[in-house]
Each structure stands twice: as C-alpha cells, then as structure tokens.
Amino acid sequence: MRKLILLAAVIAFISFTAAAQDKKQDEGDANSGMLYGPDYTFVVKAPKGWVLDNESARRQGIDAVFYPVGSSWKNSAAVMYVGIGRKQGAKDSLEGVISRDIADFKKASPDLKVSDGEALPLARGKERVVVKYFIAEQQRSHEAVAYIEESKVVVMLVLSSKTKADFDSSLPALKELVASYFFLTDSPTIQK
C-alpha cells in the first residue's frame, strides 16, 4: 500500500512540476500540484481563473503561489500562497500555531487587527478549517489565513491583498483553494 501511495505521489509531483512551470496556462489546463516536506505531503488545485506557480516566490521560501490568469506574483492585486506552521512537539495544537502566527504578525504590524473569518469546509474529512483575517491599514495589508491542522504541521493557505475591495473579491478563490486541499501523508518517503 505504501508503494502505491509513493507511486501516486511521484506521478502527481511530475504532473505538478510540468504544469506549474508553464506560467501561461489556460484556465482549462491542469493546474494542481503536490507539495511535500519532512512532515507533510498534500495536493492543492488553483482556483478557476488562477495560476499555480512554483517558481516566482522560491527565493522567498514559498513553494507555491497563486495569482489570477494574466497577472503575476509581483504585480497582482491579490495573491495566495501556501505556508507551513510546524508544531512544537506532540502536545502542540492548532491554537498554539495560530497564537504564534498572530504574535509574528503583530511584531511586523503594530496596528494589526485580527478577526475571525467564516469557517470553511473541507470535503475530505477535516473537522474544521479556522480562518483569521489580518488587517494592517498602515502597511496596506489585508490577509485571510485558512489554518488546516495535520498531525505534525498546520498548513496555511493565505490570501493577501493591498486593498479591501481586491481582498473581498478574491475571498471566493480562497474558499475554492481550501476546498481543493487533500492531505496525503505526514511521513513521506522518496526513494532515490
């Protein structure tokens, strides 16, 4: 069974790499990808009208970014990206990761306002996705972070915009991204 999962993961990764490197994809093209690290492997799909790009933010330490077709990571009015929050031991919780994330945001933006967003459903077995809104007017930053708890990490799907109007109009895309999320394993093994 483990070999089948690994084979499926490798096939998905090859598909992801090929699709994500072509930044001029049409909306109808396959636009999904697998992300993996020491404690996670999962798949996400770009929302309709958005592009998944695994190159543009690599220097920033971000493995996957999303932006509307026809725009770019640097120039889009709204973007989305994937972040990983590592749990600090077996007893750490979703709430612990969120608290640390809020503290980090507040260090960078003293005027930060944090509020609860609408909880989002996952079609694939997760009980809940916690959503927080982060608004820092001085930095012209409007963000929504969807936190998805796994056994060793918390996956963060982030929407970021400089204006409230662009933020509000892009929230449906975040919901679509969250709905596409599918976790595979917390113990990936790749044979060389």
N, C-alpha and C. Protein backbone atom coordinates (compact mmCIF):
# COMPACT_ATOMS: atom_id res chain seq x y z
N MET A 1 0.83 -1.20 0.00
CA MET A 1 0.00 0.00 0.00
C MET A 1 0.87 1.26 0.00
N ARG A 2 1.94 1.24 0.79
CA ARG A 2 2.82 2.39 0.87
C ARG A 2 3.48 2.67 -0.49
N LYS A 3 3.82 1.58 -1.22
CA LYS A 3 4.41 1.76 -2.54
C LYS A 3 3.42 2.39 -3.51
N LEU A 4 2.14 2.03 -3.39
CA LEU A 4 1.12 2.64 -4.25
C LEU A 4 0.97 4.13 -3.96
N ILE A 5 1.00 4.48 -2.67
CA ILE A 5 0.90 5.90 -2.30
C ILE A 5 2.11 6.65 -2.83
N LEU A 6 3.30 6.07 -2.68
CA LEU A 6 4.51 6.72 -3.17
C LEU A 6 4.46 6.87 -4.68
N LEU A 7 4.02 5.84 -5.39
CA LEU A 7 3.91 5.92 -6.84
C LEU A 7 2.92 7.02 -7.25
N ALA A 8 1.78 7.07 -6.58
CA ALA A 8 0.80 8.12 -6.88
C ALA A 8 1.39 9.50 -6.59
N ALA A 9 2.14 9.62 -5.51
CA ALA A 9 2.75 10.90 -5.16
C ALA A 9 3.78 11.32 -6.21
N VAL A 10 4.58 10.39 -6.68
CA VAL A 10 5.59 10.70 -7.70
C VAL A 10 4.91 11.13 -8.99
N ILE A 11 3.88 10.43 -9.40
CA ILE A 11 3.15 10.79 -10.62
C ILE A 11 2.53 12.18 -10.47
N ALA A 12 1.92 12.44 -9.32
CA ALA A 12 1.32 13.76 -9.09
C ALA A 12 2.39 14.84 -9.10
N PHE A 13 3.56 14.56 -8.51
CA PHE A 13 4.64 15.55 -8.48
C PHE A 13 5.14 15.87 -9.88
N ILE A 14 5.32 14.84 -10.70
CA ILE A 14 5.76 15.06 -12.07
C ILE A 14 4.75 15.92 -12.82
N SER A 15 3.48 15.63 -12.63
CA SER A 15 2.42 16.42 -13.27
C SER A 15 2.45 17.86 -12.77
N PHE A 16 2.65 18.03 -11.46
CA PHE A 16 2.71 19.36 -10.85
C PHE A 16 3.86 20.16 -11.42
N THR A 17 5.04 19.55 -11.50
CA THR A 17 6.21 20.26 -11.98
C THR A 17 6.01 20.72 -13.41
N ALA A 18 5.49 19.84 -14.25
CA ALA A 18 5.27 20.20 -15.65
C ALA A 18 4.23 21.30 -15.78
N ALA A 19 3.15 21.20 -15.04
CA ALA A 19 2.07 22.18 -15.16
C ALA A 19 2.45 23.52 -14.55
N ALA A 20 3.11 23.51 -13.40
CA ALA A 20 3.38 24.75 -12.68
C ALA A 20 4.45 25.59 -13.36
N GLN A 21 5.33 24.98 -14.14
CA GLN A 21 6.39 25.75 -14.76
C GLN A 21 5.89 26.52 -15.98
N ASP A 22 4.78 26.15 -16.55
CA ASP A 22 4.21 26.89 -17.67
C ASP A 22 3.28 27.96 -17.10
N LYS A 23 3.79 29.18 -16.95
CA LYS A 23 3.02 30.23 -16.30
C LYS A 23 1.93 30.81 -17.18
N LYS A 24 1.89 30.41 -18.44
CA LYS A 24 0.88 30.94 -19.34
C LYS A 24 -0.23 29.93 -19.58
N GLN A 25 -0.57 29.21 -18.55
CA GLN A 25 -1.59 28.18 -18.68
C GLN A 25 -2.96 28.78 -18.92
N ASP A 26 -3.75 28.09 -19.70
CA ASP A 26 -5.14 28.46 -19.86
C ASP A 26 -5.92 27.95 -18.67
N GLU A 27 -7.10 28.53 -18.44
CA GLU A 27 -7.92 28.11 -17.31
C GLU A 27 -8.29 26.64 -17.38
N GLY A 28 -8.39 26.07 -18.57
CA GLY A 28 -8.80 24.68 -18.69
C GLY A 28 -7.69 23.68 -18.43
N ASP A 29 -6.45 24.14 -18.38
CA ASP A 29 -5.33 23.23 -18.16
C ASP A 29 -5.31 22.70 -16.74
N ALA A 30 -4.68 21.54 -16.58
CA ALA A 30 -4.48 21.01 -15.23
C ALA A 30 -3.63 22.01 -14.47
N ASN A 31 -4.05 22.41 -13.31
CA ASN A 31 -3.37 23.45 -12.56
C ASN A 31 -3.34 23.08 -11.08
N SER A 32 -2.93 21.84 -10.81
CA SER A 32 -2.84 21.39 -9.43
C SER A 32 -1.42 20.94 -9.16
N GLY A 33 -1.10 20.83 -7.88
CA GLY A 33 0.25 20.43 -7.53
C GLY A 33 0.33 19.77 -6.18
N MET A 34 1.40 19.02 -6.01
CA MET A 34 1.67 18.35 -4.75
C MET A 34 2.82 19.07 -4.07
N LEU A 35 2.63 19.37 -2.81
CA LEU A 35 3.69 19.98 -2.02
C LEU A 35 4.10 18.99 -0.94
N TYR A 36 5.40 18.93 -0.66
CA TYR A 36 5.85 17.98 0.35
C TYR A 36 7.06 18.53 1.09
N GLY A 37 7.21 18.04 2.30
CA GLY A 37 8.33 18.36 3.16
C GLY A 37 8.51 17.21 4.12
N PRO A 38 9.38 17.36 5.12
CA PRO A 38 9.66 16.24 6.02
C PRO A 38 8.43 15.69 6.75
N ASP A 39 7.43 16.52 7.01
CA ASP A 39 6.28 16.09 7.81
C ASP A 39 4.94 16.23 7.10
N TYR A 40 4.95 16.39 5.79
CA TYR A 40 3.68 16.58 5.08
C TYR A 40 3.82 16.30 3.58
N THR A 41 2.74 15.87 3.02
CA THR A 41 2.55 15.80 1.57
C THR A 41 1.07 16.04 1.32
N PHE A 42 0.77 17.04 0.49
CA PHE A 42 -0.63 17.33 0.18
C PHE A 42 -0.74 17.87 -1.24
N VAL A 43 -1.97 17.88 -1.72
CA VAL A 43 -2.26 18.36 -3.06
C VAL A 43 -3.24 19.52 -2.96
N VAL A 44 -3.03 20.54 -3.79
CA VAL A 44 -3.98 21.65 -3.93
C VAL A 44 -4.16 21.95 -5.41
N LYS A 45 -5.27 22.58 -5.72
CA LYS A 45 -5.56 22.96 -7.10
C LYS A 45 -5.85 24.45 -7.15
N ALA A 46 -5.29 25.12 -8.13
CA ALA A 46 -5.55 26.56 -8.29
C ALA A 46 -7.03 26.78 -8.57
N PRO A 47 -7.60 27.82 -7.99
CA PRO A 47 -9.00 28.14 -8.28
C PRO A 47 -9.19 28.49 -9.76
N LYS A 48 -10.39 28.37 -10.23
CA LYS A 48 -10.70 28.71 -11.61
C LYS A 48 -10.30 30.17 -11.87
N GLY A 49 -9.56 30.38 -12.95
CA GLY A 49 -9.11 31.73 -13.30
C GLY A 49 -7.81 32.13 -12.62
N TRP A 50 -7.22 31.23 -11.86
CA TRP A 50 -5.96 31.49 -11.17
C TRP A 50 -4.89 30.53 -11.67
N VAL A 51 -3.63 30.91 -11.49
CA VAL A 51 -2.48 30.12 -11.90
C VAL A 51 -1.73 29.65 -10.66
N LEU A 52 -1.28 28.41 -10.66
CA LEU A 52 -0.37 27.90 -9.64
C LEU A 52 1.04 28.07 -10.19
N ASP A 53 1.92 28.68 -9.41
CA ASP A 53 3.29 28.98 -9.85
C ASP A 53 4.25 28.50 -8.76
N ASN A 54 5.18 27.62 -9.10
CA ASN A 54 6.12 27.11 -8.10
C ASN A 54 7.51 27.69 -8.28
N GLU A 55 7.66 28.75 -9.04
CA GLU A 55 8.97 29.35 -9.27
C GLU A 55 9.11 30.77 -8.71
N SER A 56 8.11 31.61 -8.88
CA SER A 56 8.24 33.04 -8.63
C SER A 56 8.62 33.43 -7.21
N ALA A 57 8.22 32.67 -6.21
CA ALA A 57 8.49 33.05 -4.82
C ALA A 57 9.47 32.09 -4.14
N ARG A 58 10.12 31.27 -4.92
CA ARG A 58 11.04 30.29 -4.34
C ARG A 58 12.14 30.96 -3.50
N ARG A 59 12.66 32.09 -3.97
CA ARG A 59 13.71 32.80 -3.21
C ARG A 59 13.19 33.32 -1.87
N GLN A 60 11.90 33.49 -1.76
CA GLN A 60 11.28 33.93 -0.51
C GLN A 60 10.95 32.74 0.39
N GLY A 61 11.27 31.55 -0.06
CA GLY A 61 10.99 30.35 0.73
C GLY A 61 9.56 29.86 0.61
N ILE A 62 8.87 30.30 -0.44
CA ILE A 62 7.48 29.89 -0.66
C ILE A 62 7.44 28.95 -1.85
N ASP A 63 6.91 27.76 -1.63
CA ASP A 63 6.92 26.72 -2.66
C ASP A 63 5.80 26.84 -3.68
N ALA A 64 4.70 27.46 -3.34
CA ALA A 64 3.59 27.57 -4.28
C ALA A 64 2.85 28.88 -4.05
N VAL A 65 2.65 29.62 -5.14
CA VAL A 65 1.88 30.85 -5.10
C VAL A 65 0.79 30.78 -6.16
N PHE A 66 -0.23 31.59 -5.98
CA PHE A 66 -1.37 31.61 -6.89
C PHE A 66 -1.70 33.07 -7.19
N TYR A 67 -2.05 33.34 -8.44
CA TYR A 67 -2.49 34.68 -8.82
C TYR A 67 -3.41 34.55 -10.04
N PRO A 68 -4.23 35.56 -10.29
CA PRO A 68 -5.16 35.47 -11.41
C PRO A 68 -4.43 35.34 -12.76
N VAL A 69 -5.04 34.59 -13.67
CA VAL A 69 -4.51 34.45 -15.02
C VAL A 69 -4.32 35.85 -15.61
N GLY A 70 -3.18 36.08 -16.25
CA GLY A 70 -2.89 37.37 -16.87
C GLY A 70 -2.14 38.32 -15.97
N SER A 71 -1.96 37.96 -14.70
CA SER A 71 -1.18 38.80 -13.79
C SER A 71 0.08 38.04 -13.39
N SER A 72 0.73 38.48 -12.32
CA SER A 72 1.94 37.81 -11.86
C SER A 72 2.02 37.90 -10.34
N TRP A 73 2.95 37.15 -9.76
CA TRP A 73 3.17 37.18 -8.32
C TRP A 73 3.52 38.59 -7.87
N LYS A 74 4.33 39.30 -8.62
CA LYS A 74 4.77 40.65 -8.23
C LYS A 74 3.72 41.71 -8.46
N ASN A 75 2.89 41.55 -9.49
CA ASN A 75 2.02 42.65 -9.91
C ASN A 75 0.53 42.43 -9.70
N SER A 76 0.13 41.33 -9.13
CA SER A 76 -1.29 41.06 -8.97
C SER A 76 -1.89 41.86 -7.81
N ALA A 77 -3.13 42.27 -7.98
CA ALA A 77 -3.84 42.99 -6.91
C ALA A 77 -4.11 42.09 -5.71
N ALA A 78 -4.22 40.80 -5.95
CA ALA A 78 -4.41 39.82 -4.87
C ALA A 78 -3.62 38.57 -5.25
N VAL A 79 -3.01 37.96 -4.24
CA VAL A 79 -2.25 36.72 -4.44
C VAL A 79 -2.61 35.76 -3.32
N MET A 80 -2.29 34.49 -3.55
CA MET A 80 -2.42 33.49 -2.49
C MET A 80 -1.13 32.69 -2.46
N TYR A 81 -0.84 32.12 -1.30
CA TYR A 81 0.34 31.26 -1.18
C TYR A 81 0.13 30.24 -0.08
N VAL A 82 1.03 29.25 -0.06
CA VAL A 82 0.97 28.18 0.92
C VAL A 82 2.08 28.38 1.93
N GLY A 83 1.75 28.27 3.22
CA GLY A 83 2.74 28.31 4.29
C GLY A 83 2.57 27.08 5.17
N ILE A 84 3.62 26.75 5.89
CA ILE A 84 3.60 25.61 6.80
C ILE A 84 4.00 26.09 8.19
N GLY A 85 3.16 25.82 9.17
CA GLY A 85 3.48 26.10 10.57
C GLY A 85 3.81 24.79 11.26
N ARG A 86 5.00 24.69 11.76
CA ARG A 86 5.42 23.44 12.42
C ARG A 86 4.93 23.43 13.87
N LYS A 87 4.42 22.30 14.26
CA LYS A 87 4.03 22.12 15.65
C LYS A 87 5.29 21.93 16.49
N GLN A 88 5.25 22.45 17.70
CA GLN A 88 6.39 22.35 18.60
C GLN A 88 6.14 21.21 19.58
N GLY A 89 6.27 20.00 19.09
CA GLY A 89 6.07 18.83 19.93
C GLY A 89 4.69 18.24 19.77
N ALA A 90 4.53 17.05 20.31
CA ALA A 90 3.29 16.29 20.15
C ALA A 90 2.09 16.95 20.82
N LYS A 91 2.33 17.75 21.86
CA LYS A 91 1.22 18.37 22.59
C LYS A 91 0.81 19.73 22.01
N ASP A 92 1.55 20.21 21.02
CA ASP A 92 1.19 21.49 20.41
C ASP A 92 -0.13 21.34 19.66
N SER A 93 -0.84 22.45 19.53
CA SER A 93 -2.17 22.40 18.94
C SER A 93 -2.31 23.42 17.83
N LEU A 94 -3.41 23.33 17.14
CA LEU A 94 -3.76 24.32 16.13
C LEU A 94 -3.78 25.72 16.75
N GLU A 95 -4.37 25.83 17.92
CA GLU A 95 -4.46 27.12 18.59
C GLU A 95 -3.08 27.68 18.93
N GLY A 96 -2.13 26.80 19.30
CA GLY A 96 -0.77 27.23 19.59
C GLY A 96 -0.09 27.81 18.36
N VAL A 97 -0.24 27.14 17.23
CA VAL A 97 0.36 27.63 15.98
C VAL A 97 -0.28 28.96 15.59
N ILE A 98 -1.59 29.07 15.70
CA ILE A 98 -2.28 30.32 15.36
C ILE A 98 -1.82 31.45 16.28
N SER A 99 -1.68 31.19 17.57
CA SER A 99 -1.22 32.22 18.52
C SER A 99 0.17 32.73 18.15
N ARG A 100 1.07 31.83 17.79
CA ARG A 100 2.42 32.25 17.39
C ARG A 100 2.37 33.04 16.09
N ASP A 101 1.51 32.64 15.17
CA ASP A 101 1.38 33.35 13.90
C ASP A 101 0.87 34.77 14.14
N ILE A 102 -0.13 34.92 15.00
CA ILE A 102 -0.66 36.25 15.32
C ILE A 102 0.43 37.11 15.97
N ALA A 103 1.19 36.53 16.88
CA ALA A 103 2.28 37.28 17.53
C ALA A 103 3.31 37.76 16.51
N ASP A 104 3.65 36.90 15.54
CA ASP A 104 4.60 37.30 14.49
C ASP A 104 4.04 38.43 13.64
N PHE A 105 2.76 38.35 13.27
CA PHE A 105 2.12 39.41 12.50
C PHE A 105 2.18 40.73 13.28
N LYS A 106 1.89 40.67 14.59
CA LYS A 106 1.84 41.90 15.39
C LYS A 106 3.21 42.55 15.54
N LYS A 107 4.28 41.76 15.54
CA LYS A 107 5.63 42.33 15.59
C LYS A 107 5.89 43.20 14.36
N ALA A 108 5.44 42.74 13.21
CA ALA A 108 5.67 43.46 11.96
C ALA A 108 4.67 44.59 11.74
N SER A 109 3.50 44.51 12.34
CA SER A 109 2.43 45.48 12.11
C SER A 109 1.74 45.82 13.42
N PRO A 110 2.24 46.83 14.14
CA PRO A 110 1.65 47.17 15.44
C PRO A 110 0.17 47.56 15.37
N ASP A 111 -0.30 48.07 14.23
CA ASP A 111 -1.71 48.47 14.10
C ASP A 111 -2.61 47.31 13.66
N LEU A 112 -2.09 46.11 13.70
CA LEU A 112 -2.80 44.94 13.20
C LEU A 112 -4.13 44.71 13.93
N LYS A 113 -5.16 44.41 13.14
CA LYS A 113 -6.45 43.99 13.68
C LYS A 113 -6.69 42.57 13.21
N VAL A 114 -7.00 41.68 14.16
CA VAL A 114 -7.24 40.28 13.85
C VAL A 114 -8.70 39.97 14.17
N SER A 115 -9.36 39.29 13.24
CA SER A 115 -10.74 38.87 13.49
C SER A 115 -10.95 37.47 12.93
N ASP A 116 -12.02 36.85 13.39
CA ASP A 116 -12.35 35.51 12.92
C ASP A 116 -13.06 35.61 11.58
N GLY A 117 -12.62 34.77 10.64
CA GLY A 117 -13.30 34.67 9.36
C GLY A 117 -14.30 33.54 9.41
N GLU A 118 -15.03 33.40 8.33
CA GLU A 118 -16.01 32.32 8.21
C GLU A 118 -15.27 30.98 8.14
N ALA A 119 -15.67 30.03 8.98
CA ALA A 119 -15.07 28.69 8.92
C ALA A 119 -15.37 28.09 7.56
N LEU A 120 -14.37 27.43 7.00
CA LEU A 120 -14.52 26.86 5.66
C LEU A 120 -14.57 25.34 5.72
N PRO A 121 -15.39 24.75 4.87
CA PRO A 121 -15.47 23.29 4.84
C PRO A 121 -14.37 22.68 4.00
N LEU A 122 -13.98 21.50 4.37
CA LEU A 122 -13.10 20.67 3.55
C LEU A 122 -13.90 19.44 3.19
N ALA A 123 -13.85 19.07 1.95
CA ALA A 123 -14.64 17.93 1.51
C ALA A 123 -14.03 16.60 1.94
N ARG A 124 -12.82 16.63 2.44
CA ARG A 124 -12.10 15.38 2.65
C ARG A 124 -11.77 15.10 4.11
N GLY A 125 -12.74 15.15 4.98
CA GLY A 125 -12.57 14.60 6.31
C GLY A 125 -12.09 15.50 7.42
N LYS A 126 -11.67 16.71 7.16
CA LYS A 126 -11.23 17.58 8.24
C LYS A 126 -12.45 18.14 8.96
N GLU A 127 -12.34 18.20 10.26
CA GLU A 127 -13.46 18.71 11.05
C GLU A 127 -13.66 20.20 10.85
N ARG A 128 -12.55 20.92 10.73
CA ARG A 128 -12.69 22.37 10.62
C ARG A 128 -11.45 22.99 9.99
N VAL A 129 -11.68 24.12 9.39
CA VAL A 129 -10.62 24.97 8.90
C VAL A 129 -10.84 26.31 9.58
N VAL A 130 -9.90 26.73 10.40
CA VAL A 130 -10.01 28.00 11.11
C VAL A 130 -9.50 29.10 10.18
N VAL A 131 -10.27 30.18 10.06
CA VAL A 131 -9.87 31.30 9.21
C VAL A 131 -9.74 32.54 10.08
N LYS A 132 -8.63 33.23 9.91
CA LYS A 132 -8.39 34.51 10.60
C LYS A 132 -8.15 35.58 9.55
N TYR A 133 -8.68 36.78 9.81
CA TYR A 133 -8.42 37.94 8.96
C TYR A 133 -7.40 38.82 9.68
N PHE A 134 -6.42 39.29 8.93
CA PHE A 134 -5.37 40.16 9.45
C PHE A 134 -5.40 41.44 8.62
N ILE A 135 -5.75 42.56 9.26
CA ILE A 135 -5.83 43.84 8.56
C ILE A 135 -4.84 44.80 9.22
N ALA A 136 -3.90 45.33 8.42
CA ALA A 136 -2.94 46.32 8.89
C ALA A 136 -3.01 47.50 7.91
N GLU A 137 -3.77 48.50 8.27
CA GLU A 137 -4.01 49.63 7.36
C GLU A 137 -2.73 50.38 7.01
N GLN A 138 -1.83 50.59 7.98
CA GLN A 138 -0.61 51.34 7.70
C GLN A 138 0.25 50.65 6.65
N GLN A 139 0.26 49.34 6.66
CA GLN A 139 1.04 48.58 5.68
C GLN A 139 0.22 48.25 4.43
N ARG A 140 -1.01 48.71 4.39
CA ARG A 140 -1.93 48.39 3.28
C ARG A 140 -1.97 46.88 3.07
N SER A 141 -2.25 46.17 4.12
CA SER A 141 -2.25 44.71 4.07
C SER A 141 -3.58 44.16 4.56
N HIS A 142 -4.19 43.35 3.71
CA HIS A 142 -5.42 42.63 4.04
C HIS A 142 -5.15 41.16 3.76
N GLU A 143 -5.19 40.33 4.79
CA GLU A 143 -4.91 38.91 4.60
C GLU A 143 -5.97 38.05 5.28
N ALA A 144 -6.21 36.92 4.66
CA ALA A 144 -7.02 35.86 5.26
C ALA A 144 -6.14 34.62 5.28
N VAL A 145 -6.09 33.98 6.44
CA VAL A 145 -5.30 32.75 6.56
C VAL A 145 -6.23 31.62 6.96
N ALA A 146 -6.26 30.58 6.14
CA ALA A 146 -7.01 29.36 6.45
C ALA A 146 -6.03 28.37 7.05
N TYR A 147 -6.25 28.01 8.31
CA TYR A 147 -5.36 27.10 9.04
C TYR A 147 -5.97 25.70 9.02
N ILE A 148 -5.19 24.73 8.53
CA ILE A 148 -5.65 23.34 8.44
C ILE A 148 -4.70 22.48 9.26
N GLU A 149 -5.22 21.89 10.34
CA GLU A 149 -4.37 21.11 11.24
C GLU A 149 -4.14 19.70 10.72
N GLU A 150 -2.87 19.31 10.73
CA GLU A 150 -2.48 17.92 10.47
C GLU A 150 -1.71 17.44 11.69
N SER A 151 -1.24 16.21 11.70
CA SER A 151 -0.64 15.65 12.91
C SER A 151 0.66 16.34 13.32
N LYS A 152 1.49 16.77 12.36
CA LYS A 152 2.78 17.35 12.69
C LYS A 152 2.92 18.82 12.28
N VAL A 153 2.03 19.29 11.43
CA VAL A 153 2.11 20.66 10.93
C VAL A 153 0.71 21.27 10.87
N VAL A 154 0.70 22.57 10.66
CA VAL A 154 -0.53 23.27 10.32
C VAL A 154 -0.29 23.91 8.96
N VAL A 155 -1.09 23.53 7.99
CA VAL A 155 -0.98 24.09 6.65
C VAL A 155 -1.75 25.40 6.64
N MET A 156 -1.12 26.44 6.07
CA MET A 156 -1.74 27.76 6.00
C MET A 156 -1.92 28.14 4.53
N LEU A 157 -3.15 28.33 4.13
CA LEU A 157 -3.46 28.82 2.80
C LEU A 157 -3.83 30.29 2.97
N VAL A 158 -3.04 31.17 2.34
CA VAL A 158 -3.09 32.60 2.63
C VAL A 158 -3.53 33.40 1.41
N LEU A 159 -4.48 34.30 1.61
CA LEU A 159 -4.88 35.30 0.62
C LEU A 159 -4.34 36.64 1.08
N SER A 160 -3.68 37.37 0.19
CA SER A 160 -3.11 38.66 0.55
C SER A 160 -3.44 39.70 -0.52
N SER A 161 -3.82 40.90 -0.06
CA SER A 161 -4.16 41.99 -0.96
C SER A 161 -3.84 43.32 -0.29
N LYS A 162 -3.64 44.34 -1.11
CA LYS A 162 -3.37 45.67 -0.56
C LYS A 162 -4.64 46.48 -0.33
N THR A 163 -5.74 46.09 -0.97
CA THR A 163 -6.99 46.84 -0.80
C THR A 163 -8.11 45.92 -0.32
N LYS A 164 -9.04 46.50 0.39
CA LYS A 164 -10.18 45.73 0.87
C LYS A 164 -11.04 45.23 -0.28
N ALA A 165 -11.20 46.05 -1.31
CA ALA A 165 -12.02 45.65 -2.46
C ALA A 165 -11.43 44.41 -3.15
N ASP A 166 -10.11 44.41 -3.38
CA ASP A 166 -9.47 43.25 -4.01
C ASP A 166 -9.51 42.04 -3.09
N PHE A 167 -9.36 42.29 -1.80
CA PHE A 167 -9.45 41.22 -0.81
C PHE A 167 -10.83 40.57 -0.86
N ASP A 168 -11.86 41.39 -0.77
CA ASP A 168 -13.24 40.87 -0.77
C ASP A 168 -13.57 40.12 -2.05
N SER A 169 -13.12 40.64 -3.18
CA SER A 169 -13.44 39.97 -4.45
C SER A 169 -12.66 38.68 -4.64
N SER A 170 -11.58 38.48 -3.89
CA SER A 170 -10.76 37.27 -4.02
C SER A 170 -11.08 36.21 -2.97
N LEU A 171 -11.91 36.52 -1.99
CA LEU A 171 -12.26 35.52 -0.97
C LEU A 171 -12.87 34.24 -1.56
N PRO A 172 -13.72 34.32 -2.59
CA PRO A 172 -14.23 33.06 -3.17
C PRO A 172 -13.11 32.16 -3.71
N ALA A 173 -12.04 32.77 -4.23
CA ALA A 173 -10.91 31.97 -4.72
C ALA A 173 -10.23 31.24 -3.57
N LEU A 174 -10.10 31.90 -2.41
CA LEU A 174 -9.52 31.23 -1.25
C LEU A 174 -10.40 30.05 -0.84
N LYS A 175 -11.69 30.25 -0.82
CA LYS A 175 -12.60 29.15 -0.48
C LYS A 175 -12.43 27.97 -1.44
N GLU A 176 -12.26 28.27 -2.71
CA GLU A 176 -12.06 27.21 -3.71
C GLU A 176 -10.73 26.50 -3.50
N LEU A 177 -9.69 27.26 -3.16
CA LEU A 177 -8.38 26.66 -2.89
C LEU A 177 -8.46 25.73 -1.68
N VAL A 178 -9.10 26.18 -0.62
CA VAL A 178 -9.26 25.36 0.58
C VAL A 178 -10.03 24.08 0.26
N ALA A 179 -11.08 24.21 -0.53
CA ALA A 179 -11.89 23.03 -0.88
C ALA A 179 -11.11 22.01 -1.69
N SER A 180 -10.06 22.46 -2.39
CA SER A 180 -9.27 21.54 -3.21
C SER A 180 -8.22 20.78 -2.41
N TYR A 181 -7.94 21.21 -1.20
CA TYR A 181 -6.87 20.65 -0.37
C TYR A 181 -7.11 19.17 -0.08
N PHE A 182 -6.07 18.37 -0.28
CA PHE A 182 -6.14 16.94 0.02
C PHE A 182 -4.81 16.49 0.62
N PHE A 183 -4.84 16.10 1.89
CA PHE A 183 -3.63 15.67 2.59
C PHE A 183 -3.36 14.20 2.28
N LEU A 184 -2.09 13.88 1.99
CA LEU A 184 -1.71 12.51 1.67
C LEU A 184 -1.05 11.78 2.83
N THR A 185 0.02 12.38 3.40
CA THR A 185 0.74 11.69 4.47
C THR A 185 1.58 12.67 5.28
N ASP A 186 1.85 12.29 6.54
CA ASP A 186 2.76 13.08 7.37
C ASP A 186 4.15 12.43 7.44
N SER A 187 4.35 11.36 6.68
CA SER A 187 5.64 10.66 6.67
C SER A 187 6.04 10.29 5.24
N PRO A 188 6.31 11.30 4.41
CA PRO A 188 6.67 10.97 3.03
C PRO A 188 8.04 10.29 2.96
N THR A 189 8.14 9.32 2.08
CA THR A 189 9.43 8.68 1.82
C THR A 189 9.62 8.67 0.31
N ILE A 190 10.75 9.19 -0.10
CA ILE A 190 11.07 9.21 -1.52
C ILE A 190 12.36 8.44 -1.71
N GLN A 191 12.28 7.39 -2.48
CA GLN A 191 13.45 6.56 -2.72
C GLN A 191 14.28 7.18 -3.82
N LYS A 192 15.59 7.15 -3.62
CA LYS A 192 16.50 7.71 -4.63
C LYS A 192 17.10 6.62 -5.46
